[in-house]
Protein backbone atom coordinates (compact mmCIF):
# COMPACT_ATOMS: atom_id res chain seq x y z
CA MET A 1 -14.13 -39.57 0.65
CA LEU A 2 -11.25 -38.02 -1.10
CA ARG A 3 -8.52 -40.34 -2.12
CA PRO A 4 -5.02 -39.63 -0.62
CA ARG A 5 -3.61 -38.51 -4.13
CA SER A 6 -6.67 -36.15 -4.71
CA ALA A 7 -6.26 -34.90 -1.24
CA LEU A 8 -2.58 -33.95 -1.65
CA THR A 9 -3.30 -32.27 -5.03
CA LEU A 10 -6.36 -30.24 -3.41
CA LEU A 11 -4.14 -29.03 -0.71
CA SER A 12 -1.08 -28.09 -3.08
CA MET A 13 -3.35 -26.14 -5.62
CA LEU A 14 -4.96 -24.27 -2.75
CA LEU A 15 -1.64 -23.10 -1.44
CA VAL A 16 -0.96 -21.64 -4.54
CA ALA A 17 -4.20 -19.84 -5.14
CA ALA A 18 -5.05 -18.67 -1.87
CA PRO A 19 -2.66 -16.25 0.18
CA LEU A 20 -2.74 -15.48 3.82
CA MET A 21 -3.14 -12.18 5.67
CA ALA A 22 0.14 -10.87 7.39
CA GLN A 23 0.43 -9.04 10.53
CA SER A 24 -0.29 -5.46 9.70
CA PRO A 25 2.66 -3.57 8.31
CA TRP A 26 0.94 -0.23 8.50
CA PRO A 27 2.65 0.82 11.91
CA ARG A 28 5.70 1.32 9.80
CA VAL A 29 4.01 4.20 7.76
CA PRO A 30 5.37 7.50 9.05
CA ALA A 31 3.07 10.42 10.05
CA PHE A 32 2.53 13.13 7.36
CA PRO A 33 4.81 16.15 7.89
CA ALA A 34 2.76 19.58 8.36
CA VAL A 35 5.34 21.64 6.84
CA CYS A 36 5.66 22.97 3.28
CA TYR A 37 9.43 22.79 2.83
CA THR A 38 11.68 19.68 2.53
CA GLU A 39 14.78 21.19 4.21
CA GLY A 40 15.18 20.06 7.71
CA ASP A 41 12.04 17.79 7.53
CA SER A 42 12.68 14.19 8.47
CA PHE A 43 9.95 12.89 6.55
CA PRO A 44 11.97 11.97 3.38
CA GLY A 45 14.43 9.90 5.42
CA ARG A 46 11.77 8.23 7.55
CA ILE A 47 9.67 7.11 4.47
CA GLU A 48 12.70 5.66 2.79
CA ALA A 49 13.32 3.91 5.98
CA ALA A 50 9.84 2.70 5.88
CA PHE A 51 10.29 1.43 2.45
CA GLU A 52 13.26 -0.64 3.18
CA ALA A 53 11.84 -2.18 6.42
CA ASN A 54 8.66 -3.09 4.46
CA LEU A 55 10.62 -4.61 1.84
CA ASP A 56 12.89 -6.52 4.00
CA ALA A 57 9.77 -7.97 6.00
CA GLU A 58 8.16 -8.93 2.83
CA GLY A 59 11.33 -10.81 1.84
CA ARG A 60 11.74 -12.62 5.02
CA GLN A 61 8.01 -13.51 4.65
CA GLU A 62 8.24 -14.92 1.25
CA ARG A 63 11.25 -17.11 2.31
CA ILE A 64 9.14 -18.49 5.05
CA ASN A 65 6.24 -19.17 2.66
CA HIS A 66 8.51 -21.02 0.31
CA GLU A 67 9.74 -23.17 2.95
CA LEU A 68 5.95 -24.05 4.12
CA ASP A 69 5.27 -24.60 0.53
CA ASP A 70 8.16 -27.11 0.17
CA GLN A 71 6.96 -28.88 3.42
CA LEU A 72 3.50 -29.33 1.98
CA LYS A 73 4.88 -30.75 -1.22
CA ALA A 74 6.95 -33.14 0.78
CA VAL A 75 4.04 -34.72 2.72
CA ASP A 76 3.26 -38.24 2.00
CA PRO A 77 -0.13 -38.71 0.54
CA ALA A 78 -0.98 -41.41 3.14
CA ALA A 79 -0.17 -38.84 6.05
CA THR A 80 -2.13 -36.23 4.35
CA GLN A 81 -5.29 -38.45 4.36
CA SER A 82 -4.73 -39.35 7.93
CA HIS A 83 -4.30 -35.55 8.97
CA MET A 84 -7.24 -34.78 6.92
CA MET A 85 -9.57 -37.28 8.43
CA ALA A 86 -8.59 -36.17 12.15
CA TYR A 87 -9.37 -32.59 11.25
CA MET A 88 -12.80 -33.53 9.70
CA GLN A 89 -13.50 -35.20 12.94
CA GLU A 90 -12.45 -32.54 15.14
CA ASN A 91 -13.65 -29.59 13.17
CA PRO A 92 -16.61 -30.86 11.16
CA ALA A 93 -18.18 -27.17 10.74
CA GLY A 94 -14.59 -25.83 9.62
CA PHE A 95 -14.35 -28.63 7.10
CA LYS A 96 -17.80 -27.98 5.63
CA ALA A 97 -16.92 -24.39 5.35
CA TYR A 98 -13.73 -25.34 3.58
CA MET A 99 -15.24 -27.40 0.98
CA ALA A 100 -18.09 -24.90 0.46
CA GLN A 101 -15.52 -22.34 -0.30
CA MET A 102 -13.60 -24.94 -2.60
CA ALA A 103 -16.89 -25.46 -4.62
CA GLN A 104 -17.41 -21.78 -5.50
CA ASP A 105 -17.28 -20.89 -9.17
CA PRO A 106 -13.50 -19.67 -9.75
CA GLN A 107 -15.17 -17.01 -11.97
CA LEU A 108 -16.13 -15.21 -8.81
CA ALA A 109 -12.48 -14.81 -7.72
CA GLN A 110 -11.36 -13.82 -11.10
CA ALA A 111 -13.98 -11.18 -11.35
CA ALA A 112 -12.99 -9.92 -7.87
CA THR A 113 -9.39 -9.78 -8.86
CA LYS A 114 -10.28 -7.81 -12.16
CA ALA A 115 -12.33 -5.34 -10.17
CA HIS A 116 -9.59 -4.73 -7.79
CA ARG A 117 -7.12 -4.09 -10.53
CA ALA A 118 -9.59 -1.76 -12.21
CA LYS A 119 -9.87 -0.05 -8.79
CA MET A 120 -6.14 0.40 -8.45
CA GLN A 121 -5.90 1.82 -11.94
CA GLY A 122 -8.59 4.30 -10.95
CA PHE A 123 -6.45 5.55 -8.06
CA GLN A 124 -3.50 5.72 -10.18
CA LYS A 125 -5.37 8.01 -12.72
CA GLU A 126 -6.81 10.17 -10.07
CA PHE A 127 -3.29 10.79 -8.41
CA ASP A 128 -1.74 11.43 -11.86
CA ALA A 129 -4.74 13.98 -12.39
CA LEU A 130 -3.82 15.36 -8.96
CA LYS A 131 -0.24 16.02 -9.92
CA ALA A 132 -1.16 17.69 -13.20
CA ASN A 133 -3.86 19.94 -11.61
CA TYR A 134 -1.33 20.91 -8.68
CA ALA A 135 1.11 21.69 -11.34
CA ALA A 136 -1.40 23.81 -13.29
CA ALA A 137 -2.26 25.82 -9.92
CA LEU A 138 1.38 26.44 -9.50
CA GLU A 139 1.65 27.67 -13.01
CA THR A 140 -1.66 30.12 -12.72
CA THR A 141 -1.19 31.17 -9.40
CA LEU A 142 2.44 31.01 -8.05
CA HIS A 143 4.37 31.69 -11.43
CA PRO A 144 3.10 35.31 -12.04
CA VAL A 145 3.93 36.11 -8.51
CA GLY A 146 7.55 34.50 -8.98
CA VAL A 147 8.07 36.55 -12.25
CA GLU A 148 7.04 39.79 -10.54
CA MET A 149 9.34 39.11 -7.62
CA MET A 150 12.28 38.43 -9.83
CA LYS A 151 11.68 41.72 -11.55
CA VAL A 152 11.83 43.52 -8.13
CA LEU A 153 14.87 41.45 -6.95
CA ASP A 154 16.63 42.27 -10.10
CA ALA A 155 19.75 44.56 -9.13
CA ALA A 156 18.92 46.78 -12.09
CA SER A 157 15.46 47.60 -10.73
CA GLY A 158 16.86 49.61 -8.00
CA ALA A 159 13.93 48.66 -5.89
CA PRO A 160 14.24 49.68 -2.20
CA THR A 161 14.71 46.84 0.34
CA ALA A 162 11.06 47.03 1.68
CA GLU A 163 9.60 46.65 -1.87
CA ARG A 164 12.05 43.68 -2.28
CA ALA A 165 11.09 42.17 1.07
CA ALA A 166 7.34 42.57 0.20
CA ALA A 167 7.85 40.74 -2.95
CA VAL A 168 9.54 37.98 -1.56
CA ALA A 169 7.00 37.70 1.18
CA ARG A 170 4.22 37.62 -1.36
CA TYR A 171 5.82 34.86 -3.19
CA ASN A 172 6.49 32.80 0.09
CA SER A 173 2.76 33.47 1.26
CA THR A 174 1.34 32.27 -2.06
CA TYR A 175 3.36 29.16 -2.15
CA LYS A 176 2.32 28.42 1.39
CA ALA A 177 -1.27 28.80 0.60
CA LEU A 178 -1.02 26.51 -2.25
CA CYS A 179 0.98 23.92 -0.51
CA GLU A 180 -1.23 23.81 2.74
CA LYS A 181 -4.36 23.28 0.65
CA TRP A 182 -3.00 20.73 -1.94
CA ILE A 183 -0.24 18.99 0.03
CA ILE A 184 -1.06 19.38 3.78
CA ARG A 185 -4.78 19.66 4.32
CA GLU A 186 -6.86 18.74 1.52
CA ASN A 187 -6.12 17.17 -2.13
CA PHE A 188 -3.46 14.91 -1.72
CA PRO A 189 -4.33 13.99 1.84
CA ALA A 190 -7.71 13.32 1.12
CA PHE A 191 -6.41 10.94 -1.77
CA LEU A 192 -4.25 9.14 0.68
CA THR A 193 -6.89 8.59 3.12
CA ARG A 194 -9.33 7.27 0.52
CA PHE A 195 -6.54 4.92 -0.86
CA LYS A 196 -5.71 3.44 2.51
CA ALA A 197 -9.53 3.14 3.47
CA TYR A 198 -9.92 1.23 0.18
CA LEU A 199 -7.05 -1.28 1.07
CA VAL A 200 -7.49 -1.62 4.94
CA GLY A 201 -11.50 -1.49 4.59
CA THR A 202 -12.18 -3.43 1.56
CA TYR A 203 -9.48 -5.13 -0.53
CA LEU A 204 -7.44 -6.95 2.45
CA PRO A 205 -10.44 -8.03 4.32
CA SER A 206 -11.81 -9.51 1.10
CA LEU A 207 -8.97 -12.02 1.31
CA ASP A 208 -10.20 -13.33 4.70
CA LYS A 209 -11.96 -16.25 3.37
CA ARG A 210 -9.03 -17.46 1.06
CA THR A 211 -6.81 -16.94 4.19
CA ALA A 212 -8.90 -19.15 6.41
CA MET A 213 -8.85 -21.78 3.64
CA THR A 214 -5.10 -21.60 3.30
CA LYS A 215 -4.62 -22.15 7.09
CA THR A 216 -6.92 -25.04 6.88
CA SER A 217 -5.09 -26.51 4.30
CA PHE A 218 -1.87 -26.42 6.04
CA GLU A 219 -3.49 -27.86 9.20
CA MET A 220 -5.14 -30.78 7.29
CA ALA A 221 -1.66 -31.57 6.00
CA GLY A 222 -0.34 -31.67 9.51
CA ILE A 223 1.73 -28.43 9.01
CA ASP A 224 1.70 -25.69 11.57
CA SER A 225 0.24 -22.66 9.72
CA ALA A 226 1.11 -20.09 12.41
CA ALA A 227 4.37 -18.69 10.53
CA TYR A 228 2.70 -18.30 7.23
CA GLN A 229 1.65 -14.89 6.26
CA ASP A 230 0.42 -13.20 3.00
CA THR A 231 2.52 -10.65 1.44
CA GLU A 232 -0.70 -8.50 0.11
CA GLN A 233 -0.31 -6.10 3.01
CA PHE A 234 3.29 -5.58 2.36
CA THR A 235 2.45 -4.72 -1.33
CA ALA A 236 -0.34 -2.50 -0.32
CA VAL A 237 1.95 -0.51 1.92
CA SER A 238 4.77 -0.22 -0.73
CA VAL A 239 2.05 1.45 -3.12
CA TYR A 240 0.79 3.64 -0.32
CA LEU A 241 4.39 4.67 0.61
CA ASP A 242 5.14 5.45 -3.15
CA TYR A 243 2.19 7.80 -3.40
CA ALA A 244 3.05 9.56 -0.07
CA ARG A 245 6.57 10.04 -1.01
CA THR A 246 5.61 11.43 -4.40
CA ALA A 247 3.10 13.86 -2.86
CA PHE A 248 5.32 15.41 -0.31
CA GLY A 249 8.11 15.58 -2.58
CA LEU A 250 6.23 18.13 -4.60
CA ARG A 251 7.04 20.59 -1.76
CA ASN A 252 9.82 23.50 -2.05
CA ARG A 253 13.09 22.84 -0.47
CA LEU A 254 13.35 26.19 1.28
CA PRO A 255 11.24 29.59 1.23
CA GLN A 256 12.39 32.31 -1.08
CA GLY A 257 15.11 34.68 0.28
CA LEU A 258 16.39 38.09 -0.61
């Protein structure tokens, strides 16, 4: 049987080590724009609003979590023991699962954390490569068209209006083809889809067991855990929003005019 002091220590250590899952903040993420120009597009404003709302929600949740942490630290050891015994009697299967999770080698959790960090670093390298490759595509495909357009538009060239209009149209159509491929349909959207799939489908669900343990730790101390939520999802959304903001910020402001 756990002594009162060791029970309280166990619960306090677990609260620090094991975060809870939050209600999903993903609905705050705005839909991707299907246009290649930033002028008149509401996406920049919507994504900044999403950033602010996400950070505000994260801050509120952190304050709630700290308050609950303070409650746990203030629980009398004898009361902790009493609540724990009551929990064991009412939910023996849950307590057994809790203790089995506690008995796991901490190196497993450390390895999982290390693997996640490596995965995130891999995504960052992939995103940086995408930006570099897009810049190279602009340089090799769009830049020569732009140089030729400027020659035609030069007042000294004396080019007729039809030729000038054709040069502008050629530049705009070349840019739009690149934008639609890289930013609207394929490269960057594919990256964002894979990144979100990893977060939502792999990383965040991997925290479920620790989530359950943390909730159990509160309940065994006689503390209502309903208000406790983890901030991991808020962090994940912030990273995703930053990638999306950067990708769509690569667009031109307006089409080239005469």
